[in-house]
Amino acid sequence: MKTTPKTQPRSATKATSGGSIENELKKLKSLLDEGAITQQEYEIAKKKVLNQ
């Protein structure tokens, strides 16, 4: 079974429904909490998700 990396680029993911948007925001928050992305990167990615 092939798995995708946890830190795939945000542009590679698309949120298409309310549930997907919520999941994407949770993933972003998790990445922020783990230190994988900066606060600035989190804010930019969050805006992209919410503007879809």
Protein backbone atom coordinates (compact mmCIF):
# COMPACT_ATOMS: atom_id res chain seq x y z
CA MET A 1 0.00 0.00 0.00
CA LYS A 2 1.31 3.41 -0.94
CA THR A 3 1.10 6.22 1.61
CA THR A 4 1.35 9.92 0.97
CA PRO A 5 3.75 12.05 2.99
CA LYS A 6 2.17 13.87 5.89
CA THR A 7 3.65 17.18 4.83
CA GLN A 8 2.39 17.38 1.26
CA PRO A 9 2.16 20.88 -0.18
CA ARG A 10 -1.01 22.71 0.68
CA SER A 11 -1.59 23.55 -2.97
CA ALA A 12 -1.85 19.84 -3.70
CA THR A 13 -4.94 19.44 -1.54
CA LYS A 14 -8.41 20.71 -2.32
CA ALA A 15 -11.20 21.08 0.19
CA THR A 16 -14.51 20.43 -1.56
CA SER A 17 -17.03 20.27 1.27
CA GLY A 18 -17.53 21.49 4.81
CA GLY A 19 -16.06 18.31 6.26
CA SER A 20 -13.01 18.53 4.03
CA ILE A 21 -12.41 22.15 5.01
CA GLU A 22 -12.64 21.23 8.67
CA ASN A 23 -10.22 18.33 8.18
CA GLU A 24 -7.77 20.52 6.27
CA LEU A 25 -7.80 23.14 9.03
CA LYS A 26 -7.18 20.44 11.63
CA LYS A 27 -4.22 19.16 9.60
CA LEU A 28 -2.80 22.65 9.32
CA LYS A 29 -3.17 23.23 13.05
CA SER A 30 -1.46 19.92 13.75
CA LEU A 31 1.44 20.86 11.48
CA LEU A 32 1.71 24.20 13.27
CA ASP A 33 1.66 22.56 16.69
CA GLU A 34 4.36 20.07 15.60
CA GLY A 35 6.56 22.90 14.36
CA ALA A 36 6.42 21.65 10.76
CA ILE A 37 5.12 25.03 9.56
CA THR A 38 5.44 28.56 10.91
CA GLN A 39 2.59 30.71 12.18
CA GLN A 40 2.85 32.79 9.00
CA GLU A 41 2.65 29.68 6.79
CA TYR A 42 -0.34 28.50 8.83
CA GLU A 43 -2.18 31.80 8.35
CA ILE A 44 -1.53 31.82 4.59
CA ALA A 45 -2.64 28.20 4.16
CA LYS A 46 -5.71 28.76 6.33
CA LYS A 47 -6.81 31.70 4.18
CA LYS A 48 -6.39 29.57 1.04
CA VAL A 49 -8.56 26.80 2.53
CA LEU A 50 -11.26 29.20 3.68
CA ASN A 51 -11.37 31.03 0.33
CA GLN A 52 -12.03 27.89 -1.74
